[in-house]
């Protein structure tokens, strides 16, 4: 079983905000015909995507306490962290850009910080979605909604992130990184650089 955790804040007042794009990706996955209805477990809303072997989770503890739900689930299923993917926003990334990593620091994201503290490890995959940088206050920015001019780009990013989740679950994090990170066309594999021949000059730094 693979577990997909979308981060966000519960409540209608937070729906559609930049901080809730993790919820949006999980909701997109949950719209598939084979997915069960959400139910309350682990201090979260959970659903099963049976056709893809996925368990979907949206913590209802508010962003800063997301780790509580994740730890309960990990302990209950005795889950390997290799089978865990966290989906969240990132205001340090350009709007709509995806960044997948197999592990790493929380980067100042309070949801990831909470998960790392509760798990005692950063060795889990994470998919960050760029929501654009703030003009002024960071909190107001991430708790604010997208401008009309941004909605098309973020809708496209949520769609690509949904594809990326399925690739991660089916083919692994390395393949997911290869297809969705960087400047590759959305969902397409990046071309690998050919190995230099012995007489080829080395790449410049």
Protein backbone atom coordinates (compact mmCIF):
# COMPACT_ATOMS: atom_id res chain seq x y z
CA UNK A 1 0.00 0.00 0.00
CA UNK A 2 1.12 3.54 -0.83
CA UNK A 3 -0.06 6.51 1.23
CA UNK A 4 -0.63 9.97 -0.25
CA UNK A 5 -0.95 12.81 2.27
CA UNK A 6 -2.20 16.16 1.01
CA UNK A 7 -1.52 19.05 3.36
CA UNK A 8 -3.89 21.92 4.02
CA UNK A 9 -6.20 23.50 6.56
CA UNK A 10 -9.75 22.21 7.20
CA UNK A 11 -12.80 24.43 6.87
CA UNK A 12 -14.58 26.24 4.07
CA UNK A 13 -12.74 29.47 4.82
CA UNK A 14 -9.46 27.85 3.70
CA UNK A 15 -10.77 26.12 0.58
CA UNK A 16 -8.99 27.33 -2.54
CA UNK A 17 -6.12 29.00 -0.69
CA UNK A 18 -2.49 28.57 -1.69
CA UNK A 19 -1.75 26.56 1.45
CA UNK A 20 -4.40 24.00 0.47
CA UNK A 21 -3.08 22.78 -2.87
CA UNK A 22 -2.13 19.49 -1.19
CA UNK A 23 -5.80 18.98 -0.35
CA UNK A 24 -6.67 19.88 -3.94
CA UNK A 25 -4.44 17.13 -5.34
CA UNK A 26 -5.92 14.53 -2.99
CA UNK A 27 -9.43 15.67 -3.94
CA UNK A 28 -8.48 15.28 -7.61
CA UNK A 29 -7.28 11.72 -6.95
CA UNK A 30 -10.44 11.02 -4.95
CA UNK A 31 -12.63 12.00 -7.91
CA UNK A 32 -11.75 8.75 -9.73
CA UNK A 33 -14.64 6.25 -9.94
CA UNK A 34 -12.91 3.51 -7.94
CA UNK A 35 -12.16 5.67 -4.87
CA UNK A 36 -14.18 5.20 -1.70
CA UNK A 37 -15.90 8.07 0.11
CA UNK A 38 -13.86 9.96 2.68
CA UNK A 39 -14.25 8.91 6.30
CA UNK A 40 -12.71 10.15 9.53
CA UNK A 41 -9.68 8.23 10.81
CA UNK A 42 -6.37 9.22 12.41
CA UNK A 43 -7.60 12.77 12.95
CA UNK A 44 -7.94 13.05 9.19
CA UNK A 45 -10.20 12.33 6.25
CA UNK A 46 -9.14 9.15 4.46
CA UNK A 47 -10.23 7.41 1.26
CA UNK A 48 -8.98 4.37 -0.63
CA UNK A 49 -8.11 4.46 -4.32
CA UNK A 50 -8.55 0.73 -4.75
CA UNK A 51 -7.60 0.52 -8.43
CA UNK A 52 -4.24 2.17 -7.73
CA UNK A 53 -3.56 0.64 -4.28
CA UNK A 54 -3.46 4.07 -2.65
CA UNK A 55 -4.65 5.36 0.70
CA UNK A 56 -5.45 9.08 0.56
CA UNK A 57 -5.25 11.26 3.65
CA UNK A 58 -6.11 14.87 4.45
CA UNK A 59 -5.14 15.78 8.05
CA UNK A 60 -7.83 17.80 9.84
CA UNK A 61 -5.49 19.05 12.58
CA UNK A 62 -4.55 22.28 10.77
CA UNK A 63 -1.27 22.61 8.94
CA UNK A 64 1.07 23.08 11.91
CA UNK A 65 -0.03 19.78 13.52
CA UNK A 66 -0.15 17.62 10.38
CA UNK A 67 2.41 15.20 11.82
CA UNK A 68 -0.06 13.86 14.39
CA UNK A 69 -2.27 12.26 11.76
CA UNK A 70 0.64 11.02 9.70
CA UNK A 71 2.31 9.37 12.69
CA UNK A 72 -0.93 7.63 13.73
CA UNK A 73 -1.34 6.21 10.25
CA UNK A 74 2.30 5.13 9.94
CA UNK A 75 2.13 3.34 13.29
CA UNK A 76 -1.22 1.68 12.58
CA UNK A 77 -0.14 0.20 9.25
CA UNK A 78 3.53 -0.23 10.22
CA UNK A 79 4.21 1.71 7.07
CA UNK A 80 7.66 2.01 5.53
CA UNK A 81 8.49 5.67 4.90
CA UNK A 82 9.40 4.69 1.35
CA UNK A 83 5.67 4.20 0.78
CA UNK A 84 4.74 7.68 2.00
CA UNK A 85 4.33 10.76 -0.23
CA UNK A 86 3.50 14.22 1.14
CA UNK A 87 1.97 16.79 -1.22
CA UNK A 88 2.19 20.46 -0.22
CA UNK A 89 2.55 24.05 -1.38
CA UNK A 90 5.84 25.91 -1.73
CA UNK A 91 5.98 29.70 -2.09
CA UNK A 92 9.71 29.50 -2.91
CA UNK A 93 8.87 27.82 -6.23
CA UNK A 94 7.47 29.69 -9.23
CA UNK A 95 3.74 29.39 -9.71
CA UNK A 96 2.81 25.96 -11.05
CA UNK A 97 6.29 24.40 -10.90
CA UNK A 98 6.56 20.90 -9.41
CA UNK A 99 9.47 19.64 -7.32
CA UNK A 100 9.69 15.99 -6.22
CA UNK A 101 12.31 14.79 -3.76
CA UNK A 102 12.93 11.41 -2.12
CA UNK A 103 13.81 13.08 1.19
CA UNK A 104 15.14 16.33 2.57
CA UNK A 105 14.58 19.15 5.03
CA UNK A 106 11.22 20.74 5.76
CA UNK A 107 12.48 23.96 4.17
CA UNK A 108 10.53 26.09 6.63
CA UNK A 109 7.15 24.55 5.71
CA UNK A 110 5.27 24.08 8.98
CA UNK A 111 3.36 21.03 7.79
CA UNK A 112 6.54 19.23 6.75
CA UNK A 113 8.21 20.41 9.96
CA UNK A 114 5.47 18.79 12.05
CA UNK A 115 5.65 15.55 10.07
CA UNK A 116 9.43 15.40 10.43
CA UNK A 117 9.19 15.99 14.18
CA UNK A 118 6.56 13.28 14.71
CA UNK A 119 8.27 10.71 12.48
CA UNK A 120 11.78 11.54 13.68
CA UNK A 121 12.91 11.31 10.08
CA UNK A 122 12.95 13.25 6.81
CA UNK A 123 13.32 10.09 4.71
CA UNK A 124 9.95 10.29 2.97
CA UNK A 125 9.04 11.52 -0.51
CA UNK A 126 7.54 14.95 -0.93
CA UNK A 127 5.91 16.68 -3.89
CA UNK A 128 5.95 20.47 -3.66
CA UNK A 129 3.76 22.67 -5.84
CA UNK A 130 4.88 26.22 -6.51
CA UNK A 131 2.30 28.81 -5.46
CA UNK A 132 4.39 31.88 -6.25
CA UNK A 133 6.29 34.20 -3.94
CA UNK A 134 4.63 36.68 -1.59
CA UNK A 135 4.53 40.40 -2.29
CA UNK A 136 4.51 41.17 1.44
CA UNK A 137 3.45 39.06 4.44
CA UNK A 138 4.07 35.32 3.96
CA UNK A 139 1.14 34.18 6.13
CA UNK A 140 -1.32 36.42 4.32
CA UNK A 141 0.06 35.11 1.04
CA UNK A 142 -0.26 31.37 1.70
CA UNK A 143 -3.65 31.78 3.39
CA UNK A 144 -4.88 33.90 0.50
CA UNK A 145 -6.55 32.72 -2.69
CA UNK A 146 -5.09 32.73 -6.16
CA UNK A 147 -5.60 35.74 -8.39
CA UNK A 148 -7.86 35.20 -11.42
CA UNK A 149 -4.77 35.43 -13.64
CA UNK A 150 -3.14 32.57 -11.67
CA UNK A 151 -6.02 30.11 -11.57
CA UNK A 152 -5.33 28.50 -14.92
CA UNK A 153 -1.69 27.82 -14.05
CA UNK A 154 -2.49 26.34 -10.65
CA UNK A 155 -5.30 24.17 -12.05
CA UNK A 156 -2.81 22.81 -14.59
CA UNK A 157 -0.25 22.23 -11.81
CA UNK A 158 -2.77 20.30 -9.70
CA UNK A 159 -3.55 18.13 -12.72
CA UNK A 160 0.14 17.44 -13.36
CA UNK A 161 0.73 16.78 -9.66
CA UNK A 162 -2.07 14.20 -9.76
CA UNK A 163 -0.31 12.48 -12.66
CA UNK A 164 2.98 12.68 -10.75
CA UNK A 165 1.46 10.94 -7.73
CA UNK A 166 0.33 8.02 -9.89
CA UNK A 167 3.76 7.75 -11.53
CA UNK A 168 5.41 7.80 -8.06
CA UNK A 169 3.13 5.01 -6.85
CA UNK A 170 3.56 2.86 -9.95
CA UNK A 171 7.16 3.51 -11.06
CA UNK A 172 8.95 4.97 -8.02
CA UNK A 173 10.34 8.31 -6.96
CA UNK A 174 13.31 8.33 -9.37
CA UNK A 175 11.07 7.97 -12.41
CA UNK A 176 8.69 10.56 -11.01
CA UNK A 177 11.56 13.02 -10.52
CA UNK A 178 12.81 12.38 -14.05
CA UNK A 179 9.43 13.06 -15.60
CA UNK A 180 8.13 15.99 -13.56
CA UNK A 181 11.07 17.95 -12.12
CA UNK A 182 13.00 20.68 -13.88
CA UNK A 183 12.19 22.18 -17.23
CA UNK A 184 10.82 19.07 -18.93
CA UNK A 185 7.46 19.36 -20.63
CA UNK A 186 4.68 18.42 -18.18
CA UNK A 187 4.55 14.68 -17.70
CA UNK A 188 7.23 13.96 -20.28
CA UNK A 189 10.53 12.27 -19.63
CA UNK A 190 13.54 14.52 -19.67
CA UNK A 191 16.17 13.60 -22.22
CA UNK A 192 19.23 12.08 -20.65
CA UNK A 193 22.56 13.58 -21.62
CA UNK A 194 24.70 11.09 -23.57
CA UNK A 195 27.75 9.83 -21.76
CA UNK A 196 30.89 11.56 -23.05
CA UNK A 197 33.40 9.53 -25.01
CA UNK A 198 36.93 9.19 -23.69
CA UNK A 199 38.18 11.86 -26.09
CA UNK A 200 35.31 14.29 -25.43
CA UNK A 201 36.23 17.44 -23.48
CA UNK A 202 34.77 17.64 -19.97
CA UNK A 203 31.74 19.83 -19.31
CA UNK A 204 32.53 23.36 -18.25
CA UNK A 205 31.64 24.18 -14.64
